[in-house]
């Protein structure tokens, strides 16, 4: 397998001149209802089987396997590098590609410093809000053999013409809340609604803006379709027992808790970064409006506008690149990144770019790519072939 995979990767790197095409990676969630804004064909939202729940996530540039219980498929959540081969095609997992040729893809410095590709992004697309939940810190995640998980949210306007049932997100807890009150919520888990949202506050979501969610911070994401760059981990604990009249099993609270602590309320409360959750200045610390990478008046003259859309974590960052109609630009970055086009058509390097109207499960697209370290540094040539529409990419970037 290694020699065959190396041949496929080498061909992909050569033909793509350092830019790899990626195949869509779909992920279902049993506790979610799809918002149907991620362009999947209407007949395919339950392609994993109704018992697995609907598909409401597309994972991007992912070397991280989804953790969805005993029925999780072997490659669930993992991205594939795709190479056309005449009438046929060949694929190899991006994870395997980096294991085999990491220095050629990520660069020697990143391999030596970080050991590989340590982030991924996703489109999260739920019709209803999620439970108030937390992602573990490194300390707590290490107890179950995982990494802690910071994540960021950005709400692409192109994917939010429909805003779902509750376009508001709860973050943290009110400053006066005590640990004993949260213990009461957990003690009342099977009594129905445990009322934890009454101890928090919600913020109305707006397309084209974003938030940062550090590990240890309670959050109940609203019903926008969300672009989520994050650290490579799938660790979480749900703290809300009833969401939108749907019961959350206790198992989803203690999924990533060591067996001996699954009923230990003190241990479960300690999953929270308490000071952060009750910080009266929480909004100031986590709200993340876009920031221009360079002076937009100057870059517009060159044919593009670029913004930072995730910039508060040292584990990842993200940009939104808009190439104006009819323009051709060369964009330089400091390291490798995954990218997906959300509007328009044209070319990126040697590859055609087309943002699909609809995608069949298992089929290939022309909207997702991975740009290697050397190509990113040397510059990526992007051409917008439309005379009317911008060509818009979201770029997910790992630590350098």
Protein backbone atom coordinates (compact mmCIF):
# COMPACT_ATOMS: atom_id res chain seq x y z
CA UNK A 1 0.00 0.00 0.00
CA UNK A 2 2.80 2.45 0.83
CA UNK A 3 4.45 2.31 -2.60
CA UNK A 4 1.12 2.63 -4.39
CA UNK A 5 0.09 5.52 -2.10
CA UNK A 6 3.43 7.26 -2.66
CA UNK A 7 2.89 6.99 -6.42
CA UNK A 8 -0.59 8.49 -6.12
CA UNK A 9 0.63 11.31 -3.89
CA UNK A 10 3.58 12.02 -6.17
CA UNK A 11 1.26 12.17 -9.16
CA UNK A 12 -1.13 14.48 -7.29
CA UNK A 13 1.67 16.82 -6.26
CA UNK A 14 3.15 16.86 -9.75
CA UNK A 15 -0.03 17.33 -11.74
CA UNK A 16 -1.38 19.86 -9.25
CA UNK A 17 1.94 21.73 -8.98
CA UNK A 18 1.77 21.51 -5.20
CA UNK A 19 -2.02 21.81 -4.86
CA UNK A 20 -4.00 18.67 -3.99
CA UNK A 21 -7.66 18.07 -4.80
CA UNK A 22 -9.71 16.77 -1.89
CA UNK A 23 -12.88 14.69 -1.93
CA UNK A 24 -15.86 15.71 0.26
CA UNK A 25 -15.91 14.05 3.70
CA UNK A 26 -19.44 13.79 5.12
CA UNK A 27 -20.26 13.17 8.79
CA UNK A 28 -23.66 12.31 10.36
CA UNK A 29 -24.70 13.06 13.92
CA UNK A 30 -27.41 11.04 15.64
CA UNK A 31 -28.42 13.99 17.86
CA UNK A 32 -28.72 16.58 15.05
CA UNK A 33 -31.22 17.53 12.35
CA UNK A 34 -29.64 18.62 9.05
CA UNK A 35 -30.17 22.26 8.04
CA UNK A 36 -29.67 21.24 4.38
CA UNK A 37 -27.40 24.16 3.44
CA UNK A 38 -24.22 22.21 2.64
CA UNK A 39 -25.35 21.37 -0.93
CA UNK A 40 -25.84 17.64 -0.37
CA UNK A 41 -28.54 16.09 -2.56
CA UNK A 42 -31.93 15.88 -0.76
CA UNK A 43 -31.97 12.08 -1.15
CA UNK A 44 -28.57 11.67 0.50
CA UNK A 45 -28.86 13.24 3.97
CA UNK A 46 -29.35 9.78 5.52
CA UNK A 47 -26.81 8.01 3.30
CA UNK A 48 -25.15 6.40 6.36
CA UNK A 49 -28.52 4.94 7.38
CA UNK A 50 -31.35 6.54 9.33
CA UNK A 51 -30.09 4.94 12.54
CA UNK A 52 -26.89 7.04 12.24
CA UNK A 53 -28.79 10.32 12.01
CA UNK A 54 -28.70 12.91 9.27
CA UNK A 55 -25.58 14.29 7.63
CA UNK A 56 -25.10 17.81 8.92
CA UNK A 57 -21.31 18.18 8.69
CA UNK A 58 -18.72 18.27 5.93
CA UNK A 59 -15.18 17.96 7.26
CA UNK A 60 -12.45 19.85 5.42
CA UNK A 61 -8.74 19.00 5.11
CA UNK A 62 -9.28 16.41 7.83
CA UNK A 63 -6.80 13.83 9.09
CA UNK A 64 -9.02 13.32 12.15
CA UNK A 65 -11.45 10.42 12.34
CA UNK A 66 -14.93 11.23 13.60
CA UNK A 67 -15.95 9.61 16.89
CA UNK A 68 -19.57 8.58 16.37
CA UNK A 69 -19.93 5.44 18.43
CA UNK A 70 -19.69 1.76 17.47
CA UNK A 71 -21.22 2.24 14.00
CA UNK A 72 -18.63 4.81 12.89
CA UNK A 73 -17.24 3.84 9.48
CA UNK A 74 -13.45 3.27 9.17
CA UNK A 75 -12.83 6.50 7.22
CA UNK A 76 -15.58 8.69 8.68
CA UNK A 77 -14.51 12.33 8.71
CA UNK A 78 -11.25 11.67 6.85
CA UNK A 79 -10.35 13.61 3.68
CA UNK A 80 -9.10 11.83 0.57
CA UNK A 81 -6.63 13.20 -1.96
CA UNK A 82 -8.08 12.61 -5.44
CA UNK A 83 -6.22 12.08 -8.73
CA UNK A 84 -7.91 11.57 -12.09
CA UNK A 85 -6.41 8.71 -14.11
CA UNK A 86 -7.98 8.59 -17.56
CA UNK A 87 -11.41 7.03 -17.22
CA UNK A 88 -10.61 6.06 -13.64
CA UNK A 89 -9.56 7.88 -10.50
CA UNK A 90 -7.34 7.09 -7.54
CA UNK A 91 -7.53 8.25 -3.95
CA UNK A 92 -5.39 8.15 -0.85
CA UNK A 93 -6.22 9.45 2.60
CA UNK A 94 -4.76 12.88 3.32
CA UNK A 95 -3.70 11.40 6.67
CA UNK A 96 -1.68 8.71 4.88
CA UNK A 97 -0.27 11.22 2.42
CA UNK A 98 1.09 13.32 5.28
CA UNK A 99 2.40 10.24 7.10
CA UNK A 100 4.29 9.16 3.97
CA UNK A 101 5.33 12.52 2.48
CA UNK A 102 4.79 15.02 5.27
CA UNK A 103 7.88 17.10 4.56
CA UNK A 104 6.87 17.54 0.92
CA UNK A 105 3.32 18.53 1.90
CA UNK A 106 3.68 20.45 5.18
CA UNK A 107 7.37 21.32 5.15
CA UNK A 108 10.12 19.95 7.39
CA UNK A 109 9.74 22.67 10.03
CA UNK A 110 6.07 21.92 10.69
CA UNK A 111 6.68 18.17 10.79
CA UNK A 112 9.50 18.62 13.30
CA UNK A 113 7.63 21.15 15.43
CA UNK A 114 4.07 19.79 15.38
CA UNK A 115 4.38 16.24 14.10
CA UNK A 116 1.85 16.66 11.31
CA UNK A 117 -1.38 18.39 10.36
CA UNK A 118 -2.97 19.21 13.72
CA UNK A 119 -6.19 20.97 12.72
CA UNK A 120 -9.13 20.64 10.38
CA UNK A 121 -12.23 22.61 9.57
CA UNK A 122 -15.85 21.72 8.93
CA UNK A 123 -19.18 23.04 7.81
CA UNK A 124 -21.62 22.46 10.67
CA UNK A 125 -25.21 22.68 9.44
CA UNK A 126 -27.92 22.03 12.00
CA UNK A 127 -31.54 23.15 11.77
CA UNK A 128 -31.86 23.45 15.55
CA UNK A 129 -29.49 24.67 18.27
CA UNK A 130 -27.06 22.27 19.92
CA UNK A 131 -26.91 21.49 23.66
CA UNK A 132 -24.81 23.66 25.94
CA UNK A 133 -21.54 21.74 25.87
CA UNK A 134 -17.80 22.00 26.36
CA UNK A 135 -14.64 20.80 24.66
CA UNK A 136 -11.95 19.58 27.03
CA UNK A 137 -8.66 21.25 27.86
CA UNK A 138 -5.43 19.40 27.05
CA UNK A 139 -5.21 18.26 30.67
CA UNK A 140 -8.67 16.68 30.76
CA UNK A 141 -8.55 15.35 27.20
CA UNK A 142 -5.25 13.58 27.88
CA UNK A 143 -7.03 11.35 30.42
CA UNK A 144 -8.93 9.73 27.56
CA UNK A 145 -6.03 9.78 25.10
CA UNK A 146 -7.09 12.88 23.19
CA UNK A 147 -6.07 16.50 22.65
CA UNK A 148 -7.91 19.54 23.92
CA UNK A 149 -10.09 21.34 21.40
CA UNK A 150 -10.27 25.06 20.73
CA UNK A 151 -12.51 26.01 17.82
CA UNK A 152 -13.70 29.10 15.97
CA UNK A 153 -16.91 29.99 14.15
CA UNK A 154 -17.50 31.99 11.00
CA UNK A 155 -20.88 32.33 9.30
CA UNK A 156 -20.40 32.48 5.50
CA UNK A 157 -23.10 34.66 3.92
CA UNK A 158 -23.16 32.30 0.92
CA UNK A 159 -24.42 29.46 3.13
CA UNK A 160 -26.87 31.31 5.36
CA UNK A 161 -29.77 32.43 3.22
CA UNK A 162 -31.78 30.19 5.59
CA UNK A 163 -30.95 30.76 9.25
CA UNK A 164 -32.61 27.79 10.94
CA UNK A 165 -34.86 27.76 13.99
CA UNK A 166 -32.66 29.59 16.50
CA UNK A 167 -29.86 31.81 15.08
CA UNK A 168 -28.45 32.65 18.51
CA UNK A 169 -25.55 31.07 20.41
CA UNK A 170 -25.18 30.79 24.19
CA UNK A 171 -21.67 31.26 25.59
CA UNK A 172 -20.44 30.66 29.14
CA UNK A 173 -22.39 31.36 32.32
CA UNK A 174 -23.72 34.46 34.02
CA UNK A 175 -21.07 35.95 36.34
CA UNK A 176 -23.03 35.21 39.51
CA UNK A 177 -23.53 31.49 38.78
CA UNK A 178 -22.03 29.02 41.28
CA UNK A 179 -20.67 25.53 40.80
CA UNK A 180 -23.41 24.21 43.06
CA UNK A 181 -26.04 25.52 40.62
CA UNK A 182 -24.40 23.59 37.79
CA UNK A 183 -24.29 20.47 39.97
CA UNK A 184 -28.05 20.88 40.50
CA UNK A 185 -28.48 20.94 36.71
CA UNK A 186 -26.60 17.66 36.46
CA UNK A 187 -28.50 16.09 39.37
CA UNK A 188 -31.77 16.92 37.57
CA UNK A 189 -30.69 15.36 34.27
CA UNK A 190 -33.46 12.78 34.08
CA UNK A 191 -36.18 15.08 35.39
CA UNK A 192 -36.53 16.83 32.02
CA UNK A 193 -35.07 20.21 31.16
CA UNK A 194 -32.16 20.79 33.56
CA UNK A 195 -32.47 24.58 33.00
CA UNK A 196 -28.77 25.21 32.39
CA UNK A 197 -29.50 27.76 29.65
CA UNK A 198 -31.19 29.93 32.26
CA UNK A 199 -27.73 30.37 33.76
CA UNK A 200 -26.19 31.58 30.49
CA UNK A 201 -26.77 34.27 27.86
CA UNK A 202 -27.30 34.11 24.11
CA UNK A 203 -25.95 36.34 21.35
CA UNK A 204 -27.70 36.88 18.03
CA UNK A 205 -25.63 35.63 15.11
CA UNK A 206 -24.81 37.70 12.05
CA UNK A 207 -23.53 36.46 8.68
CA UNK A 208 -19.97 37.49 7.93
CA UNK A 209 -18.89 37.55 11.59
CA UNK A 210 -17.46 34.99 13.99
CA UNK A 211 -16.50 33.82 17.48
CA UNK A 212 -13.69 31.98 19.23
CA UNK A 213 -14.45 29.13 21.64
CA UNK A 214 -11.48 28.16 23.86
CA UNK A 215 -11.35 24.75 25.55
CA UNK A 216 -13.34 24.65 28.77
CA UNK A 217 -15.96 27.19 27.63
CA UNK A 218 -19.63 26.16 27.62
CA UNK A 219 -21.39 27.02 24.37
CA UNK A 220 -24.69 26.11 22.70
CA UNK A 221 -24.25 26.85 18.97
CA UNK A 222 -27.20 28.37 17.15
CA UNK A 223 -28.73 27.25 13.87
CA UNK A 224 -26.55 29.08 11.35
CA UNK A 225 -24.51 27.06 8.89
CA UNK A 226 -21.07 27.50 10.42
CA UNK A 227 -17.53 27.24 9.12
CA UNK A 228 -15.50 25.85 12.04
CA UNK A 229 -11.71 25.76 11.98
CA UNK A 230 -10.55 23.78 15.00
CA UNK A 231 -7.85 21.67 16.52
CA UNK A 232 -7.73 18.04 15.38
CA UNK A 233 -9.89 16.49 18.10
CA UNK A 234 -13.48 15.32 18.52
CA UNK A 235 -13.70 15.52 22.32
CA UNK A 236 -16.78 17.00 24.02
CA UNK A 237 -19.21 16.83 26.95
CA UNK A 238 -22.89 17.83 26.63
CA UNK A 239 -24.22 19.68 29.70
CA UNK A 240 -27.85 20.24 28.62
CA UNK A 241 -30.43 17.47 29.07
CA UNK A 242 -33.25 18.74 26.82
CA UNK A 243 -32.72 20.70 23.60
CA UNK A 244 -35.68 21.74 21.50
CA UNK A 245 -37.79 19.06 23.23
CA UNK A 246 -35.21 16.38 22.40
CA UNK A 247 -33.50 14.40 25.17
CA UNK A 248 -29.70 14.35 25.41
CA UNK A 249 -28.48 11.02 26.87
CA UNK A 250 -26.19 11.20 29.90
CA UNK A 251 -23.71 9.19 27.82
CA UNK A 252 -23.06 12.30 25.72
CA UNK A 253 -22.07 14.19 28.87
CA UNK A 254 -19.53 11.56 29.94
CA UNK A 255 -18.43 10.27 26.51
CA UNK A 256 -14.89 11.55 27.11
CA UNK A 257 -14.72 11.06 30.89
CA UNK A 258 -12.64 8.22 32.41
CA UNK A 259 -14.82 5.33 33.55
CA UNK A 260 -14.20 5.92 37.25
CA UNK A 261 -15.45 9.53 37.03
CA UNK A 262 -18.60 9.10 34.93
CA UNK A 263 -20.83 9.86 37.93
CA UNK A 264 -18.46 12.19 39.77
CA UNK A 265 -20.07 15.64 39.58
CA UNK A 266 -16.98 17.40 40.91
CA UNK A 267 -14.84 15.89 38.16
CA UNK A 268 -17.43 16.76 35.50
CA UNK A 269 -17.67 20.38 36.72
CA UNK A 270 -13.88 20.58 36.55
CA UNK A 271 -14.10 20.03 32.79
CA UNK A 272 -15.10 23.71 32.72
CA UNK A 273 -12.66 26.61 32.75
CA UNK A 274 -14.68 28.19 35.53
CA UNK A 275 -13.09 31.64 35.54
CA UNK A 276 -13.56 32.00 31.81
CA UNK A 277 -17.19 30.85 31.90
CA UNK A 278 -18.21 33.46 34.49
CA UNK A 279 -15.96 36.27 33.16
CA UNK A 280 -18.08 39.45 32.80
CA UNK A 281 -15.83 40.46 29.86
CA UNK A 282 -16.38 37.16 28.01
CA UNK A 283 -17.91 38.80 24.92
CA UNK A 284 -14.90 41.03 24.47
CA UNK A 285 -12.57 38.02 24.66
CA UNK A 286 -14.32 35.70 22.22
CA UNK A 287 -16.18 37.83 19.66
CA UNK A 288 -14.13 37.78 16.44
CA UNK A 289 -15.25 40.18 13.71
CA UNK A 290 -13.22 39.85 10.50
CA UNK A 291 -10.03 41.87 10.13
CA UNK A 292 -8.41 42.81 6.83
CA UNK A 293 -5.09 41.09 6.18
CA UNK A 294 -3.85 44.14 4.25
CA UNK A 295 -5.25 47.55 3.32
CA UNK A 296 -8.39 46.69 1.25
CA UNK A 297 -8.06 49.85 -0.84
CA UNK A 298 -4.65 48.65 -2.01
CA UNK A 299 -5.51 44.96 -2.51
CA UNK A 300 -8.72 45.85 -4.38
CA UNK A 301 -6.54 47.56 -6.97
CA UNK A 302 -4.70 44.24 -7.34
CA UNK A 303 -7.97 42.32 -7.75
CA UNK A 304 -8.68 40.80 -4.35
CA UNK A 305 -9.66 41.34 -0.71
CA UNK A 306 -8.51 39.07 2.12
CA UNK A 307 -9.70 38.96 5.74
CA UNK A 308 -8.71 37.10 8.87
CA UNK A 309 -11.83 35.30 10.09
CA UNK A 310 -10.21 33.21 12.86
CA UNK A 311 -7.22 34.66 14.66
CA UNK A 312 -7.47 34.19 18.43
CA UNK A 313 -5.93 30.71 18.77
CA UNK A 314 -2.34 29.58 18.33
CA UNK A 315 -3.64 26.14 17.25
CA UNK A 316 -5.13 27.35 13.94
CA UNK A 317 -6.26 30.39 11.98
CA UNK A 318 -8.47 31.06 8.96
CA UNK A 319 -8.89 33.59 6.17
CA UNK A 320 -11.56 34.54 3.65
CA UNK A 321 -10.15 35.37 0.21
CA UNK A 322 -12.30 37.13 -2.38
CA UNK A 323 -10.97 37.41 -5.93
CA UNK A 324 -12.93 40.07 -7.79
CA UNK A 325 -14.76 39.34 -11.07
CA UNK A 326 -12.49 38.90 -14.05
CA UNK A 327 -9.29 39.22 -12.02
CA UNK A 328 -6.19 37.01 -11.81
CA UNK A 329 -4.03 37.21 -8.68
CA UNK A 330 -1.09 35.45 -7.05
CA UNK A 331 -1.53 34.98 -3.29
CA UNK A 332 1.32 34.14 -0.93
CA UNK A 333 0.96 32.51 2.50
CA UNK A 334 3.48 31.57 5.18
CA UNK A 335 2.62 27.88 5.24
CA UNK A 336 0.29 25.09 4.04
CA UNK A 337 -3.47 25.30 4.25
CA UNK A 338 -6.72 23.64 3.26
CA UNK A 339 -9.23 25.68 1.31
CA UNK A 340 -12.78 25.44 -0.02
CA UNK A 341 -14.52 27.69 -2.53
CA UNK A 342 -17.96 28.90 -1.44
CA UNK A 343 -18.82 31.15 -4.39
CA UNK A 344 -17.87 31.49 -8.04
CA UNK A 345 -15.72 29.60 -10.56
CA UNK A 346 -12.31 29.83 -12.15
CA UNK A 347 -8.95 28.16 -11.52
CA UNK A 348 -6.54 27.63 -8.64
CA UNK A 349 -3.12 26.70 -9.95
CA UNK A 350 -3.66 23.91 -12.49
CA UNK A 351 -7.07 22.98 -11.11
CA UNK A 352 -10.52 24.14 -12.23
CA UNK A 353 -12.70 25.55 -9.45
CA UNK A 354 -16.48 25.19 -9.53
CA UNK A 355 -18.73 25.73 -6.53
CA UNK A 356 -21.44 23.07 -6.89
CA UNK A 357 -25.15 23.67 -6.67
CA UNK A 358 -25.76 20.14 -5.44
CA UNK A 359 -23.54 17.17 -4.50
CA UNK A 360 -24.37 13.47 -4.53
CA UNK A 361 -23.00 11.45 -1.63
CA UNK A 362 -19.72 9.82 -2.61
CA UNK A 363 -19.18 11.96 -5.69
CA UNK A 364 -16.22 14.21 -6.40
CA UNK A 365 -16.38 18.01 -6.56
CA UNK A 366 -14.12 20.83 -7.78
CA UNK A 367 -14.36 23.07 -4.73
CA UNK A 368 -11.89 21.71 -2.11
CA UNK A 369 -8.08 21.73 -2.14
CA UNK A 370 -4.94 21.49 -0.01
CA UNK A 371 -2.08 23.86 -0.75
CA UNK A 372 1.35 22.53 0.19
CA UNK A 373 3.97 24.51 2.07
CA UNK A 374 6.27 25.25 -0.87
CA UNK A 375 3.40 26.23 -3.16
CA UNK A 376 1.84 28.52 -0.53
CA UNK A 377 5.15 30.31 -0.03
CA UNK A 378 5.93 30.57 -3.74
CA UNK A 379 2.41 31.86 -4.45
CA UNK A 380 -0.88 30.44 -5.69
CA UNK A 381 -2.23 31.74 -8.98
CA UNK A 382 -6.03 32.16 -8.85
CA UNK A 383 -8.16 33.27 -11.79
CA UNK A 384 -11.78 34.35 -11.48
CA UNK A 385 -13.37 33.44 -14.80
CA UNK A 386 -16.67 35.17 -14.06
CA UNK A 387 -17.32 38.72 -15.21
CA UNK A 388 -19.99 39.20 -12.55
CA UNK A 389 -19.45 37.00 -9.47
CA UNK A 390 -16.61 37.10 -6.94
CA UNK A 391 -14.62 33.90 -6.42
CA UNK A 392 -14.56 33.30 -2.65
CA UNK A 393 -12.36 30.85 -0.74
CA UNK A 394 -12.20 29.99 2.96
CA UNK A 395 -8.67 29.01 4.02
CA UNK A 396 -7.98 26.88 7.13
CA UNK A 397 -4.41 27.16 8.42
CA UNK A 398 -2.54 25.09 10.98
CA UNK A 399 0.12 26.29 13.41
CA UNK A 400 3.40 27.28 11.78
